[in-house]
Amino acid sequence: LGLPPATTETLRTVIAAGDWRGVEGILFEAASGNPDSA
């Protein structure tokens, strides 16, 4: 997804934990900063 390594690792951990609200938060912030990333 082109995220910084630390963010990528956090995202993987949150997905594995099934914390989808947490995943939303990470990805929403990332997409807001890069709105043209499909």
PDB file of all heavy atoms in Angstrom:
ATOM      1  N   LEU A   1       0.806  -1.218   0.000  1.00  0.00           N
ATOM      2  CA  LEU A   1       0.000   0.000   0.000  1.00  0.00           C
ATOM      3  C   LEU A   1       0.840   1.269   0.000  1.00  0.00           C
ATOM      4  O   LEU A   1       0.299   2.377   0.043  1.00  0.00           O
ATOM      5  CB  LEU A   1      -0.938   0.003   1.220  1.00  0.00           C
ATOM      6  CG  LEU A   1      -1.958  -1.135   1.253  1.00  0.00           C
ATOM      7  CD1 LEU A   1      -2.791  -1.064   2.525  1.00  0.00           C
ATOM      8  CD2 LEU A   1      -2.845  -1.108   0.019  1.00  0.00           C
ATOM      9  N   GLY A   2       2.155   1.119  -0.029  1.00  0.00           N
ATOM     10  CA  GLY A   2       3.024   2.289  -0.067  1.00  0.00           C
ATOM     11  C   GLY A   2       3.112   3.042   1.234  1.00  0.00           C
ATOM     12  O   GLY A   2       3.435   4.241   1.246  1.00  0.00           O
ATOM     13  N   LEU A   3       2.835   2.385   2.339  1.00  0.00           N
ATOM     14  CA  LEU A   3       2.877   3.026   3.651  1.00  0.00           C
ATOM     15  C   LEU A   3       4.271   2.912   4.257  1.00  0.00           C
ATOM     16  O   LEU A   3       5.039   2.015   3.901  1.00  0.00           O
ATOM     17  CB  LEU A   3       1.858   2.366   4.583  1.00  0.00           C
ATOM     18  CG  LEU A   3       0.394   2.421   4.107  1.00  0.00           C
ATOM     19  CD1 LEU A   3      -0.485   1.592   5.030  1.00  0.00           C
ATOM     20  CD2 LEU A   3      -0.077   3.859   4.053  1.00  0.00           C
ATOM     21  N   PRO A   4       4.620   3.786   5.195  1.00  0.00           N
ATOM     22  CA  PRO A   4       5.903   3.661   5.887  1.00  0.00           C
ATOM     23  C   PRO A   4       5.999   2.307   6.594  1.00  0.00           C
ATOM     24  O   PRO A   4       4.975   1.743   7.008  1.00  0.00           O
ATOM     25  CB  PRO A   4       5.881   4.810   6.901  1.00  0.00           C
ATOM     26  CG  PRO A   4       4.908   5.787   6.329  1.00  0.00           C
ATOM     27  CD  PRO A   4       3.869   4.973   5.626  1.00  0.00           C
ATOM     28  N   PRO A   5       7.199   1.768   6.738  1.00  0.00           N
ATOM     29  CA  PRO A   5       7.363   0.448   7.343  1.00  0.00           C
ATOM     30  C   PRO A   5       6.679   0.304   8.704  1.00  0.00           C
ATOM     31  O   PRO A   5       6.039  -0.722   8.977  1.00  0.00           O
ATOM     32  CB  PRO A   5       8.881   0.301   7.462  1.00  0.00           C
ATOM     33  CG  PRO A   5       9.420   1.157   6.365  1.00  0.00           C
ATOM     34  CD  PRO A   5       8.482   2.324   6.272  1.00  0.00           C
ATOM     35  N   ALA A   6       6.798   1.312   9.557  1.00  0.00           N
ATOM     36  CA  ALA A   6       6.188   1.215  10.885  1.00  0.00           C
ATOM     37  C   ALA A   6       4.661   1.135  10.782  1.00  0.00           C
ATOM     38  O   ALA A   6       4.010   0.370  11.498  1.00  0.00           O
ATOM     39  CB  ALA A   6       6.602   2.406  11.748  1.00  0.00           C
ATOM     40  N   THR A   7       4.097   1.937   9.869  1.00  0.00           N
ATOM     41  CA  THR A   7       2.645   1.922   9.685  1.00  0.00           C
ATOM     42  C   THR A   7       2.190   0.586   9.106  1.00  0.00           C
ATOM     43  O   THR A   7       1.147   0.040   9.505  1.00  0.00           O
ATOM     44  CB  THR A   7       2.214   3.060   8.747  1.00  0.00           C
ATOM     45  OG1 THR A   7       2.691   4.304   9.263  1.00  0.00           O
ATOM     46  CG2 THR A   7       0.704   3.118   8.614  1.00  0.00           C
ATOM     47  N   THR A   8       2.974   0.056   8.176  1.00  0.00           N
ATOM     48  CA  THR A   8       2.656  -1.240   7.588  1.00  0.00           C
ATOM     49  C   THR A   8       2.609  -2.327   8.651  1.00  0.00           C
ATOM     50  O   THR A   8       1.680  -3.147   8.686  1.00  0.00           O
ATOM     51  CB  THR A   8       3.670  -1.609   6.504  1.00  0.00           C
ATOM     52  OG1 THR A   8       3.618  -0.637   5.453  1.00  0.00           O
ATOM     53  CG2 THR A   8       3.405  -2.993   5.936  1.00  0.00           C
ATOM     54  N   GLU A   9       3.587  -2.326   9.528  1.00  0.00           N
ATOM     55  CA  GLU A   9       3.639  -3.348  10.574  1.00  0.00           C
ATOM     56  C   GLU A   9       2.467  -3.190  11.537  1.00  0.00           C
ATOM     57  O   GLU A   9       1.859  -4.179  11.961  1.00  0.00           O
ATOM     58  CB  GLU A   9       4.967  -3.252  11.332  1.00  0.00           C
ATOM     59  CG  GLU A   9       5.189  -4.381  12.321  1.00  0.00           C
ATOM     60  CD  GLU A   9       5.135  -5.755  11.667  1.00  0.00           C
ATOM     61  OE1 GLU A   9       5.576  -5.885  10.505  1.00  0.00           O
ATOM     62  OE2 GLU A   9       4.620  -6.698  12.326  1.00  0.00           O
ATOM     63  N   THR A  10       2.149  -1.945  11.881  1.00  0.00           N
ATOM     64  CA  THR A  10       0.999  -1.710  12.763  1.00  0.00           C
ATOM     65  C   THR A  10      -0.292  -2.194  12.093  1.00  0.00           C
ATOM     66  O   THR A  10      -1.143  -2.821  12.737  1.00  0.00           O
ATOM     67  CB  THR A  10       0.884  -0.212  13.086  1.00  0.00           C
ATOM     68  OG1 THR A  10       2.064   0.219  13.754  1.00  0.00           O
ATOM     69  CG2 THR A  10      -0.320   0.052  13.973  1.00  0.00           C
ATOM     70  N   LEU A  11      -0.425  -1.918  10.805  1.00  0.00           N
ATOM     71  CA  LEU A  11      -1.621  -2.326  10.071  1.00  0.00           C
ATOM     72  C   LEU A  11      -1.757  -3.844  10.066  1.00  0.00           C
ATOM     73  O   LEU A  11      -2.849  -4.385  10.302  1.00  0.00           O
ATOM     74  CB  LEU A  11      -1.553  -1.791   8.642  1.00  0.00           C
ATOM     75  CG  LEU A  11      -2.743  -2.119   7.735  1.00  0.00           C
ATOM     76  CD1 LEU A  11      -4.037  -1.572   8.313  1.00  0.00           C
ATOM     77  CD2 LEU A  11      -2.502  -1.552   6.329  1.00  0.00           C
ATOM     78  N   ARG A  12      -0.665  -4.538   9.824  1.00  0.00           N
ATOM     79  CA  ARG A  12      -0.711  -5.999   9.827  1.00  0.00           C
ATOM     80  C   ARG A  12      -1.140  -6.522  11.190  1.00  0.00           C
ATOM     81  O   ARG A  12      -1.942  -7.460  11.297  1.00  0.00           O
ATOM     82  CB  ARG A  12       0.667  -6.559   9.455  1.00  0.00           C
ATOM     83  CG  ARG A  12       1.058  -6.368   8.006  1.00  0.00           C
ATOM     84  CD  ARG A  12       2.529  -6.709   7.778  1.00  0.00           C
ATOM     85  NE  ARG A  12       2.788  -8.112   8.077  1.00  0.00           N
ATOM     86  CZ  ARG A  12       2.793  -9.087   7.167  1.00  0.00           C
ATOM     87  NH1 ARG A  12       2.517  -8.800   5.897  1.00  0.00           N
ATOM     88  NH2 ARG A  12       3.074 -10.320   7.499  1.00  0.00           N
ATOM     89  N   THR A  13      -0.629  -5.915  12.245  1.00  0.00           N
ATOM     90  CA  THR A  13      -0.970  -6.349  13.604  1.00  0.00           C
ATOM     91  C   THR A  13      -2.440  -6.118  13.912  1.00  0.00           C
ATOM     92  O   THR A  13      -3.121  -6.983  14.487  1.00  0.00           O
ATOM     93  CB  THR A  13      -0.102  -5.599  14.630  1.00  0.00           C
ATOM     94  OG1 THR A  13       1.282  -5.863  14.370  1.00  0.00           O
ATOM     95  CG2 THR A  13      -0.444  -6.021  16.054  1.00  0.00           C
ATOM     96  N   VAL A  14      -2.946  -4.956  13.507  1.00  0.00           N
ATOM     97  CA  VAL A  14      -4.347  -4.623  13.792  1.00  0.00           C
ATOM     98  C   VAL A  14      -5.290  -5.516  12.992  1.00  0.00           C
ATOM     99  O   VAL A  14      -6.338  -5.950  13.493  1.00  0.00           O
ATOM    100  CB  VAL A  14      -4.600  -3.131  13.498  1.00  0.00           C
ATOM    101  CG1 VAL A  14      -6.055  -2.782  13.701  1.00  0.00           C
ATOM    102  CG2 VAL A  14      -3.747  -2.261  14.404  1.00  0.00           C
ATOM    103  N   ILE A  15      -4.923  -5.820  11.743  1.00  0.00           N
ATOM    104  CA  ILE A  15      -5.743  -6.738  10.943  1.00  0.00           C
ATOM    105  C   ILE A  15      -5.790  -8.107  11.607  1.00  0.00           C
ATOM    106  O   ILE A  15      -6.854  -8.723  11.742  1.00  0.00           O
ATOM    107  CB  ILE A  15      -5.191  -6.852   9.507  1.00  0.00           C
ATOM    108  CG1 ILE A  15      -5.437  -5.559   8.726  1.00  0.00           C
ATOM    109  CG2 ILE A  15      -5.835  -8.035   8.780  1.00  0.00           C
ATOM    110  CD1 ILE A  15      -4.794  -5.531   7.361  1.00  0.00           C
ATOM    111  N   ALA A  16      -4.641  -8.601  12.023  1.00  0.00           N
ATOM    112  CA  ALA A  16      -4.577  -9.917  12.653  1.00  0.00           C
ATOM    113  C   ALA A  16      -5.409  -9.972  13.927  1.00  0.00           C
ATOM    114  O   ALA A  16      -5.971 -11.017  14.272  1.00  0.00           O
ATOM    115  CB  ALA A  16      -3.127 -10.277  12.966  1.00  0.00           C
ATOM    116  N   ALA A  17      -5.527  -8.836  14.612  1.00  0.00           N
ATOM    117  CA  ALA A  17      -6.315  -8.787  15.847  1.00  0.00           C
ATOM    118  C   ALA A  17      -7.814  -8.627  15.572  1.00  0.00           C
ATOM    119  O   ALA A  17      -8.626  -8.715  16.499  1.00  0.00           O
ATOM    120  CB  ALA A  17      -5.826  -7.640  16.719  1.00  0.00           C
ATOM    121  N   GLY A  18      -8.166  -8.401  14.323  1.00  0.00           N
ATOM    122  CA  GLY A  18      -9.568  -8.218  13.978  1.00  0.00           C
ATOM    123  C   GLY A  18     -10.136  -6.885  14.432  1.00  0.00           C
ATOM    124  O   GLY A  18     -11.351  -6.733  14.544  1.00  0.00           O
ATOM    125  N   ASP A  19      -9.284  -5.914  14.659  1.00  0.00           N
ATOM    126  CA  ASP A  19      -9.723  -4.586  15.097  1.00  0.00           C
ATOM    127  C   ASP A  19      -9.998  -3.741  13.861  1.00  0.00           C
ATOM    128  O   ASP A  19      -9.175  -2.918  13.445  1.00  0.00           O
ATOM    129  CB  ASP A  19      -8.649  -3.947  15.975  1.00  0.00           C
ATOM    130  CG  ASP A  19      -9.011  -2.540  16.437  1.00  0.00           C
ATOM    131  OD1 ASP A  19     -10.163  -2.117  16.210  1.00  0.00           O
ATOM    132  OD2 ASP A  19      -8.136  -1.855  17.012  1.00  0.00           O
ATOM    133  N   TRP A  20     -11.190  -3.899  13.267  1.00  0.00           N
ATOM    134  CA  TRP A  20     -11.453  -3.244  11.995  1.00  0.00           C
ATOM    135  C   TRP A  20     -11.675  -1.755  12.126  1.00  0.00           C
ATOM    136  O   TRP A  20     -11.425  -1.002  11.185  1.00  0.00           O
ATOM    137  CB  TRP A  20     -12.623  -3.933  11.300  1.00  0.00           C
ATOM    138  CG  TRP A  20     -12.227  -5.326  10.956  1.00  0.00           C
ATOM    139  CD1 TRP A  20     -12.628  -6.491  11.549  1.00  0.00           C
ATOM    140  CD2 TRP A  20     -11.244  -5.703   9.993  1.00  0.00           C
ATOM    141  NE1 TRP A  20     -11.977  -7.563  11.011  1.00  0.00           N
ATOM    142  CE2 TRP A  20     -11.120  -7.104  10.045  1.00  0.00           C
ATOM    143  CE3 TRP A  20     -10.466  -4.990   9.087  1.00  0.00           C
ATOM    144  CZ2 TRP A  20     -10.247  -7.797   9.225  1.00  0.00           C
ATOM    145  CZ3 TRP A  20      -9.591  -5.687   8.261  1.00  0.00           C
ATOM    146  CH2 TRP A  20      -9.499  -7.078   8.346  1.00  0.00           C
ATOM    147  N   ARG A  21     -12.124  -1.302  13.274  1.00  0.00           N
ATOM    148  CA  ARG A  21     -12.195   0.148  13.484  1.00  0.00           C
ATOM    149  C   ARG A  21     -10.783   0.738  13.493  1.00  0.00           C
ATOM    150  O   ARG A  21     -10.547   1.835  12.977  1.00  0.00           O
ATOM    151  CB  ARG A  21     -12.925   0.455  14.792  1.00  0.00           C
ATOM    152  CG  ARG A  21     -14.399   0.033  14.795  1.00  0.00           C
ATOM    153  CD  ARG A  21     -15.191   0.798  13.745  1.00  0.00           C
ATOM    154  NE  ARG A  21     -16.572   0.348  13.637  1.00  0.00           N
ATOM    155  CZ  ARG A  21     -17.571   0.812  14.357  1.00  0.00           C
ATOM    156  NH1 ARG A  21     -17.339   1.746  15.275  1.00  0.00           N
ATOM    157  NH2 ARG A  21     -18.795   0.370  14.193  1.00  0.00           N
ATOM    158  N   GLY A  22      -9.869   0.000  14.092  1.00  0.00           N
ATOM    159  CA  GLY A  22      -8.479   0.446  14.085  1.00  0.00           C
ATOM    160  C   GLY A  22      -7.901   0.457  12.685  1.00  0.00           C
ATOM    161  O   GLY A  22      -7.167   1.387  12.297  1.00  0.00           O
ATOM    162  N   VAL A  23      -8.226  -0.575  11.896  1.00  0.00           N
ATOM    163  CA  VAL A  23      -7.763  -0.627  10.510  1.00  0.00           C
ATOM    164  C   VAL A  23      -8.338   0.542   9.726  1.00  0.00           C
ATOM    165  O   VAL A  23      -7.627   1.192   8.948  1.00  0.00           O
ATOM    166  CB  VAL A  23      -8.183  -1.973   9.864  1.00  0.00           C
ATOM    167  CG1 VAL A  23      -7.802  -1.979   8.382  1.00  0.00           C
ATOM    168  CG2 VAL A  23      -7.533  -3.146  10.584  1.00  0.00           C
ATOM    169  N   GLU A  24      -9.625   0.815   9.940  1.00  0.00           N
ATOM    170  CA  GLU A  24     -10.248   1.969   9.282  1.00  0.00           C
ATOM    171  C   GLU A  24      -9.481   3.257   9.576  1.00  0.00           C
ATOM    172  O   GLU A  24      -9.228   4.061   8.674  1.00  0.00           O
ATOM    173  CB  GLU A  24     -11.680   2.148   9.776  1.00  0.00           C
ATOM    174  CG  GLU A  24     -12.715   1.256   9.153  1.00  0.00           C
ATOM    175  CD  GLU A  24     -14.092   1.605   9.670  1.00  0.00           C
ATOM    176  OE1 GLU A  24     -14.326   1.506  10.886  1.00  0.00           O
ATOM    177  OE2 GLU A  24     -14.948   1.984   8.853  1.00  0.00           O
ATOM    178  N   GLY A  25      -9.151   3.452  10.845  1.00  0.00           N
ATOM    179  CA  GLY A  25      -8.470   4.681  11.228  1.00  0.00           C
ATOM    180  C   GLY A  25      -7.138   4.844  10.527  1.00  0.00           C
ATOM    181  O   GLY A  25      -6.819   5.933  10.010  1.00  0.00           O
ATOM    182  N   ILE A  26      -6.363   3.773  10.490  1.00  0.00           N
ATOM    183  CA  ILE A  26      -5.051   3.834   9.836  1.00  0.00           C
ATOM    184  C   ILE A  26      -5.203   4.130   8.353  1.00  0.00           C
ATOM    185  O   ILE A  26      -4.523   5.007   7.789  1.00  0.00           O
ATOM    186  CB  ILE A  26      -4.296   2.506  10.045  1.00  0.00           C
ATOM    187  CG1 ILE A  26      -3.944   2.314  11.529  1.00  0.00           C
ATOM    188  CG2 ILE A  26      -3.027   2.472   9.194  1.00  0.00           C
ATOM    189  CD1 ILE A  26      -3.425   0.932  11.861  1.00  0.00           C
ATOM    190  N   LEU A  27      -6.106   3.397   7.698  1.00  0.00           N
ATOM    191  CA  LEU A  27      -6.248   3.538   6.255  1.00  0.00           C
ATOM    192  C   LEU A  27      -6.943   4.845   5.871  1.00  0.00           C
ATOM    193  O   LEU A  27      -6.647   5.427   4.823  1.00  0.00           O
ATOM    194  CB  LEU A  27      -7.015   2.340   5.689  1.00  0.00           C
ATOM    195  CG  LEU A  27      -6.256   1.015   5.753  1.00  0.00           C
ATOM    196  CD1 LEU A  27      -7.154  -0.135   5.329  1.00  0.00           C
ATOM    197  CD2 LEU A  27      -5.005   1.061   4.862  1.00  0.00           C
ATOM    198  N   PHE A  28      -7.869   5.314   6.705  1.00  0.00           N
ATOM    199  CA  PHE A  28      -8.530   6.589   6.411  1.00  0.00           C
ATOM    200  C   PHE A  28      -7.515   7.730   6.427  1.00  0.00           C
ATOM    201  O   PHE A  28      -7.516   8.597   5.545  1.00  0.00           O
ATOM    202  CB  PHE A  28      -9.639   6.857   7.425  1.00  0.00           C
ATOM    203  CG  PHE A  28     -10.417   8.104   7.144  1.00  0.00           C
ATOM    204  CD1 PHE A  28     -11.433   8.103   6.200  1.00  0.00           C
ATOM    205  CD2 PHE A  28     -10.119   9.289   7.802  1.00  0.00           C
ATOM    206  CE1 PHE A  28     -12.141   9.264   5.927  1.00  0.00           C
ATOM    207  CE2 PHE A  28     -10.820  10.453   7.530  1.00  0.00           C
ATOM    208  CZ  PHE A  28     -11.843  10.442   6.587  1.00  0.00           C
ATOM    209  N   GLU A  29      -6.649   7.702   7.428  1.00  0.00           N
ATOM    210  CA  GLU A  29      -5.617   8.747   7.511  1.00  0.00           C
ATOM    211  C   GLU A  29      -4.685   8.665   6.317  1.00  0.00           C
ATOM    212  O   GLU A  29      -4.309   9.684   5.714  1.00  0.00           O
ATOM    213  CB  GLU A  29      -4.836   8.595   8.817  1.00  0.00           C
ATOM    214  CG  GLU A  29      -3.787   9.670   9.014  1.00  0.00           C
ATOM    215  CD  GLU A  29      -3.070   9.558  10.347  1.00  0.00           C
ATOM    216  OE1 GLU A  29      -3.486   8.722  11.178  1.00  0.00           O
ATOM    217  OE2 GLU A  29      -2.083  10.300  10.555  1.00  0.00           O
ATOM    218  N   ALA A  30      -4.301   7.430   5.951  1.00  0.00           N
ATOM    219  CA  ALA A  30      -3.389   7.265   4.820  1.00  0.00           C
ATOM    220  C   ALA A  30      -4.046   7.709   3.519  1.00  0.00           C
ATOM    221  O   ALA A  30      -3.427   8.392   2.693  1.00  0.00           O
ATOM    222  CB  ALA A  30      -2.953   5.806   4.724  1.00  0.00           C
ATOM    223  N   ALA A  31      -5.319   7.347   3.319  1.00  0.00           N
ATOM    224  CA  ALA A  31      -6.019   7.716   2.091  1.00  0.00           C
ATOM    225  C   ALA A  31      -6.287   9.217   2.028  1.00  0.00           C
ATOM    226  O   ALA A  31      -6.287   9.810   0.948  1.00  0.00           O
ATOM    227  CB  ALA A  31      -7.329   6.938   1.980  1.00  0.00           C
ATOM    228  N   SER A  32      -6.502   9.827   3.174  1.00  0.00           N
ATOM    229  CA  SER A  32      -6.710  11.277   3.192  1.00  0.00           C
ATOM    230  C   SER A  32      -5.458  12.010   2.725  1.00  0.00           C
ATOM    231  O   SER A  32      -5.542  13.046   2.065  1.00  0.00           O
ATOM    232  CB  SER A  32      -7.079  11.729   4.609  1.00  0.00           C
ATOM    233  OG  SER A  32      -8.316  11.164   5.009  1.00  0.00           O
ATOM    234  N   GLY A  33      -4.309  11.453   3.078  1.00  0.00           N
ATOM    235  CA  GLY A  33      -3.050  12.066   2.654  1.00  0.00           C
ATOM    236  C   GLY A  33      -2.677  11.723   1.224  1.00  0.00           C
ATOM    237  O   GLY A  33      -1.793  12.363   0.645  1.00  0.00           O
ATOM    238  N   ASN A  34      -3.335  10.712   0.655  1.00  0.00           N
ATOM    239  CA  ASN A  34      -3.035  10.295  -0.718  1.00  0.00           C
ATOM    240  C   ASN A  34      -4.340   9.872  -1.393  1.00  0.00           C
ATOM    241  O   ASN A  34      -4.578   8.691  -1.651  1.00  0.00           O
ATOM    242  CB  ASN A  34      -2.035   9.130  -0.706  1.00  0.00           C
ATOM    243  CG  ASN A  34      -1.505   8.811  -2.089  1.00  0.00           C
ATOM    244  OD1 ASN A  34      -1.898   9.433  -3.083  1.00  0.00           O
ATOM    245  ND2 ASN A  34      -0.635   7.815  -2.178  1.00  0.00           N
ATOM    246  N   PRO A  35      -5.224  10.832  -1.692  1.00  0.00           N
ATOM    247  CA  PRO A  35      -6.572  10.509  -2.186  1.00  0.00           C
ATOM    248  C   PRO A  35      -6.617   9.919  -3.583  1.00  0.00           C
ATOM    249  O   PRO A  35      -7.677   9.465  -4.017  1.00  0.00           O
ATOM    250  CB  PRO A  35      -7.285  11.865  -2.147  1.00  0.00           C
ATOM    251  CG  PRO A  35      -6.181  12.872  -2.273  1.00  0.00           C
ATOM    252  CD  PRO A  35      -5.012  12.275  -1.547  1.00  0.00           C
ATOM    253  N   ASP A  36      -5.483   9.919  -4.293  1.00  0.00           N
ATOM    254  CA  ASP A  36      -5.451   9.368  -5.645  1.00  0.00           C
ATOM    255  C   ASP A  36      -4.841   7.975  -5.684  1.00  0.00           C
ATOM    256  O   ASP A  36      -4.473   7.480  -6.759  1.00  0.00           O
ATOM    257  CB  ASP A  36      -4.670  10.298  -6.581  1.00  0.00           C
ATOM    258  CG  ASP A  36      -5.376  11.630  -6.774  1.00  0.00           C
ATOM    259  OD1 ASP A  36      -6.622  11.633  -6.771  1.00  0.00           O
ATOM    260  OD2 ASP A  36      -4.684  12.650  -6.912  1.00  0.00           O
ATOM    261  N   SER A  37      -4.733   7.335  -4.517  1.00  0.00           N
ATOM    262  CA  SER A  37      -4.175   5.989  -4.466  1.00  0.00           C
ATOM    263  C   SER A  37      -5.300   4.961  -4.531  1.00  0.00           C
ATOM    264  O   SER A  37      -6.028   4.760  -3.554  1.00  0.00           O
ATOM    265  CB  SER A  37      -3.355   5.789  -3.185  1.00  0.00           C
ATOM    266  OG  SER A  37      -2.999   4.423  -3.039  1.00  0.00           O
ATOM    267  N   ALA A  38      -5.428   4.295  -5.665  1.00  0.00           N
ATOM    268  CA  ALA A  38      -6.464   3.264  -5.808  1.00  0.00           C
ATOM    269  C   ALA A  38      -6.270   2.114  -4.827  1.00  0.00           C
ATOM    270  O   ALA A  38      -7.241   1.647  -4.223  1.00  0.00           O
ATOM    271  CB  ALA A  38      -6.493   2.759  -7.248  1.00  0.00           C
TER     272      ALA A  38
END
